Protein backbone atom coordinates (compact mmCIF):
# COMPACT_ATOMS: atom_id res chain seq x y z
CA UNK A 1 45.20 82.70 120.96
CA UNK A 2 45.56 79.52 118.94
CA UNK A 3 48.21 79.77 116.21
CA UNK A 4 48.35 76.97 113.63
CA UNK A 5 51.41 74.72 113.62
CA UNK A 6 52.25 75.65 110.03
CA UNK A 7 52.55 79.33 110.99
CA UNK A 8 54.72 78.49 114.00
CA UNK A 9 56.91 76.29 111.82
CA UNK A 10 57.23 79.07 109.19
CA UNK A 11 58.21 81.63 111.82
CA UNK A 12 60.75 79.22 113.31
CA UNK A 13 62.29 78.46 109.88
CA UNK A 14 62.47 82.16 108.95
CA UNK A 15 64.12 82.96 112.30
CA UNK A 16 66.60 80.14 111.88
CA UNK A 17 67.43 81.29 108.34
CA UNK A 18 67.93 84.90 109.53
CA UNK A 19 70.20 83.73 112.33
CA UNK A 20 72.24 81.70 109.84
CA UNK A 21 72.66 84.68 107.50
CA UNK A 22 73.71 86.86 110.44
CA UNK A 23 76.32 84.30 111.58
CA UNK A 24 77.63 83.98 108.02
CA UNK A 25 77.99 87.78 107.75
CA UNK A 26 79.90 87.84 111.06
CA UNK A 27 82.37 85.17 109.95
CA UNK A 28 83.10 86.01 106.28
CA UNK A 29 84.31 89.01 104.23
CA UNK A 30 82.54 89.29 100.88
CA UNK A 31 85.20 90.92 98.72
CA UNK A 32 84.41 92.22 95.27
CA UNK A 33 87.12 92.14 92.63
CA UNK A 34 87.02 93.36 89.04
CA UNK A 35 88.93 90.32 87.82
CA UNK A 36 87.56 87.54 90.03
CA UNK A 37 84.02 88.68 90.85
CA UNK A 38 83.19 87.92 94.47
CA UNK A 39 85.59 86.19 96.85
CA UNK A 40 84.72 84.88 100.32
CA UNK A 41 87.51 85.18 102.89
CA UNK A 42 87.19 84.21 106.57
CA UNK A 43 87.30 87.18 108.96
CA UNK A 44 90.07 87.52 111.51
CA UNK A 45 87.44 87.82 114.28
CA UNK A 46 83.68 87.47 114.69
CA UNK A 47 82.20 90.86 113.74
CA UNK A 48 79.71 92.54 111.41
CA UNK A 49 82.25 95.25 110.51
CA UNK A 50 83.71 95.25 106.99
CA UNK A 51 81.48 92.47 105.68
CA UNK A 52 81.43 93.90 102.13
CA UNK A 53 84.81 95.23 100.96
CA UNK A 54 86.36 96.02 97.57
CA UNK A 55 89.41 93.79 97.17
CA UNK A 56 90.87 95.99 94.44
CA UNK A 57 90.62 99.08 96.63
CA UNK A 58 92.31 97.38 99.58
CA UNK A 59 95.15 95.96 97.48
CA UNK A 60 95.69 99.17 95.47
CA UNK A 61 95.95 101.28 98.64
CA UNK A 62 99.34 101.57 100.42
CA UNK A 63 99.58 98.98 103.20
CA UNK A 64 99.71 101.52 106.06
CA UNK A 65 96.55 103.25 104.81
CA UNK A 66 94.76 99.95 104.15
CA UNK A 67 95.64 98.72 107.64
CA UNK A 68 94.13 101.80 109.29
CA UNK A 69 91.07 102.03 107.00
CA UNK A 70 90.11 98.32 106.84
CA UNK A 71 91.83 96.64 109.85
CA UNK A 72 89.80 93.40 109.74
CA UNK A 73 90.01 92.99 105.98
CA UNK A 74 93.74 93.78 106.04
CA UNK A 75 94.37 91.15 108.73
CA UNK A 76 92.27 88.57 106.88
CA UNK A 77 94.08 89.20 103.59
CA UNK A 78 97.42 89.00 105.38
CA UNK A 79 96.39 85.69 106.99
CA UNK A 80 95.36 84.34 103.56
CA UNK A 81 98.67 85.49 102.00
CA UNK A 82 97.05 87.74 99.40
CA UNK A 83 99.33 90.72 100.07
CA UNK A 84 102.28 88.83 98.65
CA UNK A 85 100.64 88.68 95.22
CA UNK A 86 102.18 91.27 92.91
CA UNK A 87 99.59 93.56 91.39
CA UNK A 88 100.29 95.54 88.23
CA UNK A 89 100.42 99.29 88.74
CA UNK A 90 97.33 101.13 87.57
CA UNK A 91 97.98 103.27 84.54
CA UNK A 92 97.49 106.98 85.19
CA UNK A 93 94.83 108.74 83.17
CA UNK A 94 95.64 111.71 80.94
CA UNK A 95 93.93 114.03 83.46
CA UNK A 96 96.14 112.75 86.27
CA UNK A 97 99.29 113.06 84.16
CA UNK A 98 98.43 116.65 83.26
CA UNK A 99 97.74 117.55 86.90
CA UNK A 100 101.00 116.01 88.09
CA UNK A 101 103.03 117.75 85.43
CA UNK A 102 101.41 121.11 86.25
CA UNK A 103 99.95 121.63 82.77
CA UNK A 104 96.36 121.69 83.88
CA UNK A 105 94.32 122.77 86.89
CA UNK A 106 92.84 119.91 88.90
CA UNK A 107 89.37 118.94 87.79
CA UNK A 108 86.46 119.38 90.18
CA UNK A 109 86.24 115.62 90.73
CA UNK A 110 89.85 115.40 91.92
CA UNK A 111 90.84 118.12 94.41
């Protein structure tokens, strides 16, 4: 079977591009933040795990929970020094305040 050079070249370029995207995903966390948009942070080790992570969720979670739930992202953020940044406490909603004070039954969304 005789395949034209242009087709071979296209297949080679597409394969090379796919390999590059795969290597990029193995080396970098893509972290989404409400304030900063998307942030790229190098991973602690070469892996496809935890490629897309919410930065706000990791930083708003207690450190022990974040370390067990997102070990690679936690280590990368620690290496970058982002855990030392003070984050303002999230204001509780009226529903949460009522539940904590015992005035209201928990809503179905929040057990």
